PDB file of N, CA and C in Angstrom:
ATOM      1  N   MET A   1      23.286   1.014   7.863  1.00  0.00           N
ATOM      2  CA  MET A   1      22.245   0.154   7.289  1.00  0.00           C
ATOM      3  C   MET A   1      22.585  -1.309   7.609  1.00  0.00           C
ATOM      4  N   ALA A   2      21.635  -2.031   8.117  1.00  0.00           N
ATOM      5  CA  ALA A   2      21.845  -3.424   8.429  1.00  0.00           C
ATOM      6  C   ALA A   2      21.881  -4.244   7.145  1.00  0.00           C
ATOM      7  N   ASN A   3      22.446  -5.425   7.217  1.00  0.00           N
ATOM      8  CA  ASN A   3      22.491  -6.319   6.061  1.00  0.00           C
ATOM      9  C   ASN A   3      21.056  -6.657   5.638  1.00  0.00           C
ATOM     10  N   LEU A   4      20.738  -6.340   4.404  1.00  0.00           N
ATOM     11  CA  LEU A   4      19.373  -6.539   3.902  1.00  0.00           C
ATOM     12  C   LEU A   4      18.973  -7.971   3.868  1.00  0.00           C
ATOM     13  N   PHE A   5      19.911  -8.887   3.890  1.00  0.00           N
ATOM     14  CA  PHE A   5      19.646 -10.305   3.776  1.00  0.00           C
ATOM     15  C   PHE A   5      19.489 -10.984   5.131  1.00  0.00           C
ATOM     16  N   ASP A   6      19.711 -10.257   6.237  1.00  0.00           N
ATOM     17  CA  ASP A   6      19.615 -10.812   7.532  1.00  0.00           C
ATOM     18  C   ASP A   6      18.237 -11.435   7.807  1.00  0.00           C
ATOM     19  N   SER A   7      17.205 -10.768   7.413  1.00  0.00           N
ATOM     20  CA  SER A   7      15.853 -11.257   7.701  1.00  0.00           C
ATOM     21  C   SER A   7      15.312 -12.300   6.771  1.00  0.00           C
ATOM     22  N   ALA A   8      15.990 -12.482   5.646  1.00  0.00           N
ATOM     23  CA  ALA A   8      15.525 -13.468   4.641  1.00  0.00           C
ATOM     24  C   ALA A   8      15.785 -14.853   5.164  1.00  0.00           C
ATOM     25  N   LYS A   9      14.747 -15.633   5.174  1.00  0.00           N
ATOM     26  CA  LYS A   9      14.812 -16.967   5.743  1.00  0.00           C
ATOM     27  C   LYS A   9      15.190 -18.108   4.733  1.00  0.00           C
ATOM     28  N   ASN A  10      14.954 -17.837   3.445  1.00  0.00           N
ATOM     29  CA  ASN A  10      15.248 -18.884   2.482  1.00  0.00           C
ATOM     30  C   ASN A  10      15.829 -18.273   1.203  1.00  0.00           C
ATOM     31  N   ILE A  11      16.238 -19.115   0.332  1.00  0.00           N
ATOM     32  CA  ILE A  11      16.899 -18.683  -0.920  1.00  0.00           C
ATOM     33  C   ILE A  11      15.936 -17.854  -1.774  1.00  0.00           C
ATOM     34  N   GLN A  12      14.664 -18.186  -1.803  1.00  0.00           N
ATOM     35  CA  GLN A  12      13.672 -17.435  -2.585  1.00  0.00           C
ATOM     36  C   GLN A  12      13.557 -15.997  -2.114  1.00  0.00           C
ATOM     37  N   GLU A  13      13.567 -15.789  -0.773  1.00  0.00           N
ATOM     38  CA  GLU A  13      13.491 -14.453  -0.235  1.00  0.00           C
ATOM     39  C   GLU A  13      14.769 -13.685  -0.571  1.00  0.00           C
ATOM     40  N   LYS A  14      15.936 -14.336  -0.456  1.00  0.00           N
ATOM     41  CA  LYS A  14      17.186 -13.658  -0.804  1.00  0.00           C
ATOM     42  C   LYS A  14      17.236 -13.288  -2.285  1.00  0.00           C
ATOM     43  N   ARG A  15      16.768 -14.211  -3.148  1.00  0.00           N
ATOM     44  CA  ARG A  15      16.737 -13.936  -4.548  1.00  0.00           C
ATOM     45  C   ARG A  15      15.781 -12.721  -4.867  1.00  0.00           C
ATOM     46  N   ALA A  16      14.658 -12.678  -4.134  1.00  0.00           N
ATOM     47  CA  ALA A  16      13.704 -11.553  -4.406  1.00  0.00           C
ATOM     48  C   ALA A  16      14.338 -10.225  -3.977  1.00  0.00           C
ATOM     49  N   ILE A  17      15.049 -10.206  -2.861  1.00  0.00           N
ATOM     50  CA  ILE A  17      15.732  -8.973  -2.412  1.00  0.00           C
ATOM     51  C   ILE A  17      16.796  -8.574  -3.422  1.00  0.00           C
ATOM     52  N   LEU A  18      17.570  -9.543  -3.870  1.00  0.00           N
ATOM     53  CA  LEU A  18      18.637  -9.255  -4.803  1.00  0.00           C
ATOM     54  C   LEU A  18      18.060  -8.765  -6.169  1.00  0.00           C
ATOM     55  N   LYS A  19      16.940  -9.309  -6.598  1.00  0.00           N
ATOM     56  CA  LYS A  19      16.314  -8.824  -7.790  1.00  0.00           C
ATOM     57  C   LYS A  19      15.868  -7.348  -7.677  1.00  0.00           C
ATOM     58  N   GLU A  20      15.299  -7.074  -6.536  1.00  0.00           N
ATOM     59  CA  GLU A  20      14.808  -5.679  -6.294  1.00  0.00           C
ATOM     60  C   GLU A  20      15.995  -4.676  -6.266  1.00  0.00           C
ATOM     61  N   LEU A  21      17.092  -5.103  -5.651  1.00  0.00           N
ATOM     62  CA  LEU A  21      18.308  -4.280  -5.605  1.00  0.00           C
ATOM     63  C   LEU A  21      18.876  -4.075  -7.046  1.00  0.00           C
ATOM     64  N   SER A  22      18.711  -5.088  -7.828  1.00  0.00           N
ATOM     65  CA  SER A  22      19.366  -5.134  -9.170  1.00  0.00           C
ATOM     66  C   SER A  22      18.595  -4.348 -10.227  1.00  0.00           C
ATOM     67  N   LYS A  23      17.280  -4.177 -10.069  1.00  0.00           N
ATOM     68  CA  LYS A  23      16.507  -3.516 -11.074  1.00  0.00           C
ATOM     69  C   LYS A  23      17.043  -2.121 -11.528  1.00  0.00           C
ATOM     70  N   PRO A  24      17.293  -1.194 -10.558  1.00  0.00           N
ATOM     71  CA  PRO A  24      17.789   0.089 -11.041  1.00  0.00           C
ATOM     72  C   PRO A  24      19.240  -0.023 -11.586  1.00  0.00           C
ATOM     73  N   LEU A  25      19.982  -1.012 -11.090  1.00  0.00           N
ATOM     74  CA  LEU A  25      21.337  -1.204 -11.549  1.00  0.00           C
ATOM     75  C   LEU A  25      21.423  -1.701 -12.986  1.00  0.00           C
ATOM     76  N   GLN A  26      20.393  -2.456 -13.377  1.00  0.00           N
ATOM     77  CA  GLN A  26      20.384  -2.921 -14.763  1.00  0.00           C
ATOM     78  C   GLN A  26      20.195  -1.747 -15.766  1.00  0.00           C
ATOM     79  N   GLU A  27      19.426  -0.774 -15.362  1.00  0.00           N
ATOM     80  CA  GLU A  27      19.287   0.405 -16.215  1.00  0.00           C
ATOM     81  C   GLU A  27      20.582   1.195 -16.278  1.00  0.00           C
ATOM     82  N   LEU A  28      21.280   1.324 -15.158  1.00  0.00           N
ATOM     83  CA  LEU A  28      22.575   2.005 -15.155  1.00  0.00           C
ATOM     84  C   LEU A  28      23.601   1.290 -16.010  1.00  0.00           C
ATOM     85  N   THR A  29      23.520  -0.018 -16.026  1.00  0.00           N
ATOM     86  CA  THR A  29      24.404  -0.835 -16.861  1.00  0.00           C
ATOM     87  C   THR A  29      24.131  -0.604 -18.322  1.00  0.00           C
ATOM     88  N   LYS A  30      22.848  -0.547 -18.635  1.00  0.00           N
ATOM     89  CA  LYS A  30      22.449  -0.341 -20.067  1.00  0.00           C
ATOM     90  C   LYS A  30      22.920   0.944 -20.634  1.00  0.00           C
ATOM     91  N   ILE A  31      22.894   2.046 -19.815  1.00  0.00           N
ATOM     92  CA  ILE A  31      23.361   3.336 -20.283  1.00  0.00           C
ATOM     93  C   ILE A  31      24.835   3.590 -20.090  1.00  0.00           C
ATOM     94  N   GLY A  32      25.547   2.582 -19.529  1.00  0.00           N
ATOM     95  CA  GLY A  32      26.984   2.696 -19.391  1.00  0.00           C
ATOM     96  C   GLY A  32      27.470   3.425 -18.150  1.00  0.00           C
ATOM     97  N   ARG A  33      26.618   3.631 -17.149  1.00  0.00           N
ATOM     98  CA  ARG A  33      27.028   4.371 -15.982  1.00  0.00           C
ATOM     99  C   ARG A  33      27.870   3.502 -15.019  1.00  0.00           C
ATOM    100  N   ILE A  34      27.553   2.194 -15.063  1.00  0.00           N
ATOM    101  CA  ILE A  34      28.290   1.197 -14.232  1.00  0.00           C
ATOM    102  C   ILE A  34      28.688   0.010 -15.162  1.00  0.00           C
ATOM    103  N   GLU A  35      29.697  -0.705 -14.773  1.00  0.00           N
ATOM    104  CA  GLU A  35      30.240  -1.794 -15.563  1.00  0.00           C
ATOM    105  C   GLU A  35      29.254  -2.985 -15.572  1.00  0.00           C
ATOM    106  N   SER A  36      28.722  -3.326 -14.418  1.00  0.00           N
ATOM    107  CA  SER A  36      27.837  -4.495 -14.296  1.00  0.00           C
ATOM    108  C   SER A  36      26.900  -4.319 -13.116  1.00  0.00           C
ATOM    109  N   VAL A  37      25.945  -5.153 -13.033  1.00  0.00           N
ATOM    110  CA  VAL A  37      25.037  -5.131 -11.839  1.00  0.00           C
ATOM    111  C   VAL A  37      25.794  -5.446 -10.595  1.00  0.00           C
ATOM    112  N   ASN A  38      26.687  -6.445 -10.660  1.00  0.00           N
ATOM    113  CA  ASN A  38      27.515  -6.787  -9.482  1.00  0.00           C
ATOM    114  C   ASN A  38      28.372  -5.597  -9.065  1.00  0.00           C
ATOM    115  N   ALA A  39      28.888  -4.821  -9.996  1.00  0.00           N
ATOM    116  CA  ALA A  39      29.665  -3.621  -9.629  1.00  0.00           C
ATOM    117  C   ALA A  39      28.844  -2.643  -8.880  1.00  0.00           C
ATOM    118  N   GLY A  40      27.568  -2.494  -9.316  1.00  0.00           N
ATOM    119  CA  GLY A  40      26.652  -1.642  -8.589  1.00  0.00           C
ATOM    120  C   GLY A  40      26.313  -2.136  -7.192  1.00  0.00           C
ATOM    121  N   LEU A  41      26.139  -3.425  -7.082  1.00  0.00           N
ATOM    122  CA  LEU A  41      25.848  -4.034  -5.793  1.00  0.00           C
ATOM    123  C   LEU A  41      27.018  -3.812  -4.822  1.00  0.00           C
ATOM    124  N   LYS A  42      28.237  -4.015  -5.357  1.00  0.00           N
ATOM    125  CA  LYS A  42      29.433  -3.792  -4.541  1.00  0.00           C
ATOM    126  C   LYS A  42      29.525  -2.362  -4.066  1.00  0.00           C
ATOM    127  N   SER A  43      29.138  -1.391  -4.908  1.00  0.00           N
ATOM    128  CA  SER A  43      29.208   0.008  -4.473  1.00  0.00           C
ATOM    129  C   SER A  43      28.156   0.297  -3.398  1.00  0.00           C
ATOM    130  N   ILE A  44      27.019  -0.360  -3.474  1.00  0.00           N
ATOM    131  CA  ILE A  44      25.967  -0.226  -2.415  1.00  0.00           C
ATOM    132  C   ILE A  44      26.562  -0.784  -1.093  1.00  0.00           C
ATOM    133  N   TYR A  45      27.179  -1.941  -1.139  1.00  0.00           N
ATOM    134  CA  TYR A  45      27.778  -2.526   0.050  1.00  0.00           C
ATOM    135  C   TYR A  45      28.910  -1.655   0.578  1.00  0.00           C
ATOM    136  N   GLN A  46      29.707  -1.094  -0.328  1.00  0.00           N
ATOM    137  CA  GLN A  46      30.855  -0.245   0.055  1.00  0.00           C
ATOM    138  C   GLN A  46      30.360   1.001   0.819  1.00  0.00           C
ATOM    139  N   SER A  47      29.199   1.487   0.486  1.00  0.00           N
ATOM    140  CA  SER A  47      28.674   2.716   1.185  1.00  0.00           C
ATOM    141  C   SER A  47      28.386   2.390   2.691  1.00  0.00           C
ATOM    142  N   ASP A  48      28.281   1.117   3.035  1.00  0.00           N
ATOM    143  CA  ASP A  48      28.082   0.692   4.388  1.00  0.00           C
ATOM    144  C   ASP A  48      29.393   0.204   5.024  1.00  0.00           C
ATOM    145  N   GLY A  49      30.516   0.332   4.326  1.00  0.00           N
ATOM    146  CA  GLY A  49      31.784  -0.061   4.884  1.00  0.00           C
ATOM    147  C   GLY A  49      32.278  -1.457   4.510  1.00  0.00           C
ATOM    148  N   HIS A  50      31.486  -2.140   3.666  1.00  0.00           N
ATOM    149  CA  HIS A  50      31.905  -3.490   3.247  1.00  0.00           C
ATOM    150  C   HIS A  50      32.839  -3.338   2.059  1.00  0.00           C
ATOM    151  N   ILE A  51      34.125  -3.084   2.318  1.00  0.00           N
ATOM    152  CA  ILE A  51      35.064  -2.780   1.272  1.00  0.00           C
ATOM    153  C   ILE A  51      35.587  -4.014   0.564  1.00  0.00           C
ATOM    154  N   GLU A  52      36.020  -5.005   1.297  1.00  0.00           N
ATOM    155  CA  GLU A  52      36.602  -6.198   0.745  1.00  0.00           C
ATOM    156  C   GLU A  52      35.627  -7.391   0.832  1.00  0.00           C
ATOM    157  N   LEU A  53      35.212  -7.925  -0.303  1.00  0.00           N
ATOM    158  CA  LEU A  53      34.268  -9.018  -0.309  1.00  0.00           C
ATOM    159  C   LEU A  53      34.945 -10.292  -0.765  1.00  0.00           C
ATOM    160  N   LYS A  54      34.757 -11.349   0.005  1.00  0.00           N
ATOM    161  CA  LYS A  54      35.319 -12.651  -0.349  1.00  0.00           C
ATOM    162  C   LYS A  54      34.397 -13.787   0.096  1.00  0.00           C
ATOM    163  N   SER A  55      34.545 -14.914  -0.542  1.00  0.00           N
ATOM    164  CA  SER A  55      33.749 -16.080  -0.155  1.00  0.00           C
ATOM    165  C   SER A  55      34.217 -16.565   1.236  1.00  0.00           C
ATOM    166  N   PHE A  56      33.383 -17.421   1.841  1.00  0.00           N
ATOM    167  CA  PHE A  56      33.765 -18.065   3.083  1.00  0.00           C
ATOM    168  C   PHE A  56      35.156 -18.720   2.981  1.00  0.00           C
ATOM    169  N   TYR A  57      35.356 -19.495   1.931  1.00  0.00           N
ATOM    170  CA  TYR A  57      36.568 -20.258   1.764  1.00  0.00           C
ATOM    171  C   TYR A  57      37.776 -19.336   1.490  1.00  0.00           C
ATOM    172  N   GLU A  58      37.562 -18.179   0.812  1.00  0.00           N
ATOM    173  CA  GLU A  58      38.655 -17.256   0.547  1.00  0.00           C
ATOM    174  C   GLU A  58      39.103 -16.627   1.878  1.00  0.00           C
ATOM    175  N   TRP A  59      38.102 -16.275   2.738  1.00  0.00           N
ATOM    176  CA  TRP A  59      38.492 -15.717   4.013  1.00  0.00           C
ATOM    177  C   TRP A  59      39.227 -16.754   4.869  1.00  0.00           C
ATOM    178  N   LYS A  60      38.750 -17.998   4.821  1.00  0.00           N
ATOM    179  CA  LYS A  60      39.346 -19.087   5.574  1.00  0.00           C
ATOM    180  C   LYS A  60      40.785 -19.287   5.105  1.00  0.00           C
ATOM    181  N   LYS A  61      41.007 -19.230   3.797  1.00  0.00           N
ATOM    182  CA  LYS A  61      42.356 -19.378   3.232  1.00  0.00           C
ATOM    183  C   LYS A  61      43.255 -18.264   3.736  1.00  0.00           C
ATOM    184  N   ASP A  62      42.712 -17.074   3.951  1.00  0.00           N
ATOM    185  CA  ASP A  62      43.492 -15.927   4.426  1.00  0.00           C
ATOM    186  C   ASP A  62      43.661 -15.945   5.977  1.00  0.00           C
ATOM    187  N   GLY A  63      43.162 -17.032   6.615  1.00  0.00           N
ATOM    188  CA  GLY A  63      43.322 -17.187   8.052  1.00  0.00           C
ATOM    189  C   GLY A  63      42.306 -16.407   8.874  1.00  0.00           C
ATOM    190  N   LYS A  64      41.233 -16.016   8.274  1.00  0.00           N
ATOM    191  CA  LYS A  64      40.166 -15.254   8.958  1.00  0.00           C
ATOM    192  C   LYS A  64      38.945 -16.144   9.229  1.00  0.00           C
ATOM    193  N   ARG A  65      38.190 -15.784  10.259  1.00  0.00           N
ATOM    194  CA  ARG A  65      36.947 -16.462  10.564  1.00  0.00           C
ATOM    195  C   ARG A  65      35.783 -15.518  10.455  1.00  0.00           C
ATOM    196  N   ILE A  66      34.641 -16.049  10.061  1.00  0.00           N
ATOM    197  CA  ILE A  66      33.432 -15.241   9.997  1.00  0.00           C
ATOM    198  C   ILE A  66      32.905 -15.128  11.413  1.00  0.00           C
ATOM    199  N   LYS A  67      32.523 -13.909  11.815  1.00  0.00           N
ATOM    200  CA  LYS A  67      31.976 -13.660  13.129  1.00  0.00           C
ATOM    201  C   LYS A  67      30.692 -14.399  13.296  1.00  0.00           C
ATOM    202  N   LYS A  68      30.468 -14.965  14.487  1.00  0.00           N
ATOM    203  CA  LYS A  68      29.254 -15.684  14.788  1.00  0.00           C
ATOM    204  C   LYS A  68      28.033 -14.774  14.554  1.00  0.00           C
ATOM    205  N   GLY A  69      27.005 -15.305  13.903  1.00  0.00           N
ATOM    206  CA  GLY A  69      25.764 -14.607  13.641  1.00  0.00           C
ATOM    207  C   GLY A  69      25.747 -13.732  12.421  1.00  0.00           C
ATOM    208  N   GLU A  70      26.873 -13.625  11.680  1.00  0.00           N
ATOM    209  CA  GLU A  70      26.912 -12.816  10.528  1.00  0.00           C
ATOM    210  C   GLU A  70      26.172 -13.515   9.385  1.00  0.00           C
ATOM    211  N   HIS A  71      25.540 -12.721   8.533  1.00  0.00           N
ATOM    212  CA  HIS A  71      24.836 -13.247   7.359  1.00  0.00           C
ATOM    213  C   HIS A  71      25.545 -12.751   6.110  1.00  0.00           C
ATOM    214  N   ALA A  72      25.673 -13.633   5.138  1.00  0.00           N
ATOM    215  CA  ALA A  72      26.379 -13.289   3.899  1.00  0.00           C
ATOM    216  C   ALA A  72      25.676 -12.206   3.117  1.00  0.00           C
ATOM    217  N   LEU A  73      26.448 -11.469   2.373  1.00  0.00           N
ATOM    218  CA  LEU A  73      25.955 -10.530   1.386  1.00  0.00           C
ATOM    219  C   LEU A  73      25.790 -11.301   0.115  1.00  0.00           C
ATOM    220  N   CYS A  74      24.962 -10.871  -0.778  1.00  0.00           N
ATOM    221  CA  CYS A  74      24.719 -11.591  -1.994  1.00  0.00           C
ATOM    222  C   CYS A  74      25.115 -10.883  -3.262  1.00  0.00           C
ATOM    223  N   LEU A  75      25.674 -11.556  -4.190  1.00  0.00           N
ATOM    224  CA  LEU A  75      25.967 -11.071  -5.526  1.00  0.00           C
ATOM    225  C   LEU A  75      25.428 -12.083  -6.513  1.00  0.00           C
ATOM    226  N   TRP A  76      25.375 -11.741  -7.779  1.00  0.00           N
ATOM    227  CA  TRP A  76      24.955 -12.697  -8.788  1.00  0.00           C
ATOM    228  C   TRP A  76      26.157 -13.538  -9.200  1.00  0.00           C
ATOM    229  N   GLY A  77      26.006 -14.830  -9.347  1.00  0.00           N
ATOM    230  CA  GLY A  77      27.046 -15.695  -9.821  1.00  0.00           C
ATOM    231  C   GLY A  77      27.070 -15.735 -11.332  1.00  0.00           C
ATOM    232  N   LYS A  78      28.018 -16.520 -11.847  1.00  0.00           N
ATOM    233  CA  LYS A  78      28.114 -16.682 -13.325  1.00  0.00           C
ATOM    234  C   LYS A  78      26.844 -17.345 -13.822  1.00  0.00           C
ATOM    235  N   PRO A  79      26.277 -16.886 -14.949  1.00  0.00           N
ATOM    236  CA  PRO A  79      25.068 -17.511 -15.473  1.00  0.00           C
ATOM    237  C   PRO A  79      25.289 -18.966 -15.910  1.00  0.00           C
ATOM    238  N   LYS A  80      24.242 -19.732 -15.699  1.00  0.00           N
ATOM    239  CA  LYS A  80      24.247 -21.112 -16.137  1.00  0.00           C
ATOM    240  C   LYS A  80      22.966 -21.330 -16.920  1.00  0.00           C
ATOM    241  N   GLN A  81      23.046 -22.249 -17.881  1.00  0.00           N
ATOM    242  CA  GLN A  81      21.850 -22.588 -18.619  1.00  0.00           C
ATOM    243  C   GLN A  81      20.964 -23.465 -17.764  1.00  0.00           C
ATOM    244  N   LYS A  82      19.664 -23.163 -17.749  1.00  0.00           N
ATOM    245  CA  LYS A  82      18.721 -23.966 -16.941  1.00  0.00           C
ATOM    246  C   LYS A  82      18.766 -25.411 -17.384  1.00  0.00           C
ATOM    247  N   ARG A  83      18.684 -26.327 -16.404  1.00  0.00           N
ATOM    248  CA  ARG A  83      18.698 -27.742 -16.745  1.00  0.00           C
ATOM    249  C   ARG A  83      17.518 -28.118 -17.637  1.00  0.00           C
ATOM    250  N   GLU A  84      16.365 -27.548 -17.373  1.00  0.00           N
ATOM    251  CA  GLU A  84      15.182 -27.888 -18.188  1.00  0.00           C
ATOM    252  C   GLU A  84      15.456 -27.429 -19.627  1.00  0.00           C
ATOM    253  N   GLU A  85      16.108 -26.307 -19.755  1.00  0.00           N
ATOM    254  CA  GLU A  85      16.426 -25.793 -21.116  1.00  0.00           C
ATOM    255  C   GLU A  85      17.403 -26.735 -21.832  1.00  0.00           C
ATOM    256  N   GLN A  86      18.367 -27.290 -21.052  1.00  0.00           N
ATOM    257  CA  GLN A  86      19.304 -28.183 -21.642  1.00  0.00           C
ATOM    258  C   GLN A  86      18.599 -29.440 -22.205  1.00  0.00           C
ATOM    259  N   GLU A  87      17.674 -29.928 -21.445  1.00  0.00           N
ATOM    260  CA  GLU A  87      16.884 -31.112 -21.901  1.00  0.00           C
ATOM    261  C   GLU A  87      16.116 -30.754 -23.163  1.00  0.00           C
ATOM    262  N   GLN A  88      15.521 -29.571 -23.136  1.00  0.00           N
ATOM    263  CA  GLN A  88      14.714 -29.145 -24.346  1.00  0.00           C
ATOM    264  C   GLN A  88      15.611 -28.907 -25.535  1.00  0.00           C
ATOM    265  N   GLU A  89      16.837 -28.471 -25.270  1.00  0.00           N
ATOM    266  CA  GLU A  89      17.787 -28.209 -26.358  1.00  0.00           C
ATOM    267  C   GLU A  89      18.056 -29.468 -27.131  1.00  0.00           C
ATOM    268  N   GLU A  90      18.148 -30.593 -26.435  1.00  0.00           N
ATOM    269  CA  GLU A  90      18.407 -31.844 -27.095  1.00  0.00           C
ATOM    270  C   GLU A  90      17.206 -32.241 -27.937  1.00  0.00           C
ATOM    271  N   GLN A  91      15.971 -31.927 -27.462  1.00  0.00           N
ATOM    272  CA  GLN A  91      14.785 -32.222 -28.180  1.00  0.00           C
ATOM    273  C   GLN A  91      14.454 -31.249 -29.265  1.00  0.00           C
ATOM    274  N   ASP A  92      14.777 -30.011 -29.081  1.00  0.00           N
ATOM    275  CA  ASP A  92      14.413 -28.928 -29.985  1.00  0.00           C
ATOM    276  C   ASP A  92      15.590 -27.991 -30.222  1.00  0.00           C
ATOM    277  N   SER A  93      16.004 -27.902 -31.459  1.00  0.00           N
ATOM    278  CA  SER A  93      17.211 -27.063 -31.749  1.00  0.00           C
ATOM    279  C   SER A  93      16.858 -25.567 -31.742  1.00  0.00           C
ATOM    280  N   ASN A  94      15.632 -25.175 -31.520  1.00  0.00           N
ATOM    281  CA  ASN A  94      15.238 -23.792 -31.511  1.00  0.00           C
ATOM    282  C   ASN A  94      15.221 -23.257 -30.077  1.00  0.00           C
ATOM    283  N   ASN A  95      16.113 -23.680 -29.224  1.00  0.00           N
ATOM    284  CA  ASN A  95      16.200 -23.182 -27.836  1.00  0.00           C
ATOM    285  C   ASN A  95      16.619 -21.731 -27.831  1.00  0.00           C
ATOM    286  N   ASP A  96      16.027 -20.933 -26.963  1.00  0.00           N
ATOM    287  CA  ASP A  96      16.346 -19.488 -26.941  1.00  0.00           C
ATOM    288  C   ASP A  96      17.470 -19.190 -25.972  1.00  0.00           C
ATOM    289  N   GLY A  97      18.061 -20.204 -25.297  1.00  0.00           N
ATOM    290  CA  GLY A  97      19.238 -20.005 -24.473  1.00  0.00           C
ATOM    291  C   GLY A  97      18.999 -19.274 -23.182  1.00  0.00           C
ATOM    292  N   LEU A  98      17.881 -19.448 -22.548  1.00  0.00           N
ATOM    293  CA  LEU A  98      17.593 -18.783 -21.288  1.00  0.00           C
ATOM    294  C   LEU A  98      18.655 -19.193 -20.257  1.00  0.00           C
ATOM    295  N   GLU A  99      19.028 -18.232 -19.384  1.00  0.00           N
ATOM    296  CA  GLU A  99      20.075 -18.511 -18.438  1.00  0.00           C
ATOM    297  C   GLU A  99      19.542 -18.323 -17.032  1.00  0.00           C
ATOM    298  N   PHE A 100      20.171 -19.027 -16.113  1.00  0.00           N
ATOM    299  CA  PHE A 100      19.855 -18.923 -14.693  1.00  0.00           C
ATOM    300  C   PHE A 100      21.041 -18.356 -14.010  1.00  0.00           C
ATOM    301  N   PHE A 101      20.798 -17.310 -13.192  1.00  0.00           N
ATOM    302  CA  PHE A 101      21.892 -16.644 -12.456  1.00  0.00           C
ATOM    303  C   PHE A 101      21.819 -17.106 -11.002  1.00  0.00           C
ATOM    304  N   PRO A 102      22.801 -17.854 -10.557  1.00  0.00           N
ATOM    305  CA  PRO A 102      22.813 -18.323  -9.192  1.00  0.00           C
ATOM    306  C   PRO A 102      23.247 -17.193  -8.262  1.00  0.00           C
ATOM    307  N   ILE A 103      23.019 -17.369  -6.975  1.00  0.00           N
ATOM    308  CA  ILE A 103      23.424 -16.348  -6.009  1.00  0.00           C
ATOM    309  C   ILE A 103      24.807 -16.752  -5.460  1.00  0.00           C
ATOM    310  N   CYS A 104      25.688 -15.797  -5.359  1.00  0.00           N
ATOM    311  CA  CYS A 104      27.033 -15.977  -4.815  1.00  0.00           C
ATOM    312  C   CYS A 104      26.998 -15.335  -3.436  1.00  0.00           C
ATOM    313  N   TYR A 105      27.400 -16.079  -2.418  1.00  0.00           N
ATOM    314  CA  TYR A 105      27.411 -15.574  -1.031  1.00  0.00           C
ATOM    315  C   TYR A 105      28.838 -15.129  -0.670  1.00  0.00           C
ATOM    316  N   VAL A 106      28.915 -13.871  -0.189  1.00  0.00           N
ATOM    317  CA  VAL A 106      30.230 -13.324   0.142  1.00  0.00           C
ATOM    318  C   VAL A 106      30.106 -12.650   1.519  1.00  0.00           C
ATOM    319  N   PHE A 107      31.257 -12.524   2.166  1.00  0.00           N
ATOM    320  CA  PHE A 107      31.357 -11.835   3.449  1.00  0.00           C
ATOM    321  C   PHE A 107      32.371 -10.699   3.280  1.00  0.00           C
ATOM    322  N   SER A 108      32.225  -9.663   4.129  1.00  0.00           N
ATOM    323  CA  SER A 108      33.094  -8.504   4.013  1.00  0.00           C
ATOM    324  C   SER A 108      34.108  -8.417   5.093  1.00  0.00           C
ATOM    325  N   ASN A 109      34.978  -7.443   4.981  1.00  0.00           N
ATOM    326  CA  ASN A 109      35.979  -7.154   5.967  1.00  0.00           C
ATOM    327  C   ASN A 109      35.360  -6.839   7.372  1.00  0.00           C
ATOM    328  N   LEU A 110      34.137  -6.364   7.378  1.00  0.00           N
ATOM    329  CA  LEU A 110      33.438  -6.035   8.624  1.00  0.00           C
ATOM    330  C   LEU A 110      32.920  -7.260   9.321  1.00  0.00           C
ATOM    331  N   GLN A 111      32.840  -8.382   8.616  1.00  0.00           N
ATOM    332  CA  GLN A 111      32.230  -9.608   9.151  1.00  0.00           C
ATOM    333  C   GLN A 111      33.215 -10.687   9.553  1.00  0.00           C
ATOM    334  N   VAL A 112      34.518 -10.379   9.517  1.00  0.00           N
ATOM    335  CA  VAL A 112      35.513 -11.385   9.871  1.00  0.00           C
ATOM    336  C   VAL A 112      36.395 -10.907  11.043  1.00  0.00           C
ATOM    337  N   GLN A 113      37.037 -11.891  11.615  1.00  0.00           N
ATOM    338  CA  GLN A 113      37.984 -11.581  12.701  1.00  0.00           C
ATOM    339  C   GLN A 113      39.249 -12.419  12.525  1.00  0.00           C
TER     340      GLN A 113
END
């Protein structure tokens, strides 16, 4: 299976793909079949041979280079509170604490040399 994110041209398209991949994994997380959505995403990637996932800088630190033309795989990053919500929090103490999940870009052992 080719990298699902290869054809995505912008961050919104990548986020949409990641959301679709994550929907069934959220249910598995709720019933305790997997530890987290990211754990489920990693197992999907592993089925295609992407065993070791690291950021660009982690691979660089290990003395590896990303192969030309490779596209990153995506995972969810640590949640952050939305900036708009932070502003509203100062104005209104009844903030519901909505969070924003950034995308984390990683490369696999198959994508480095």
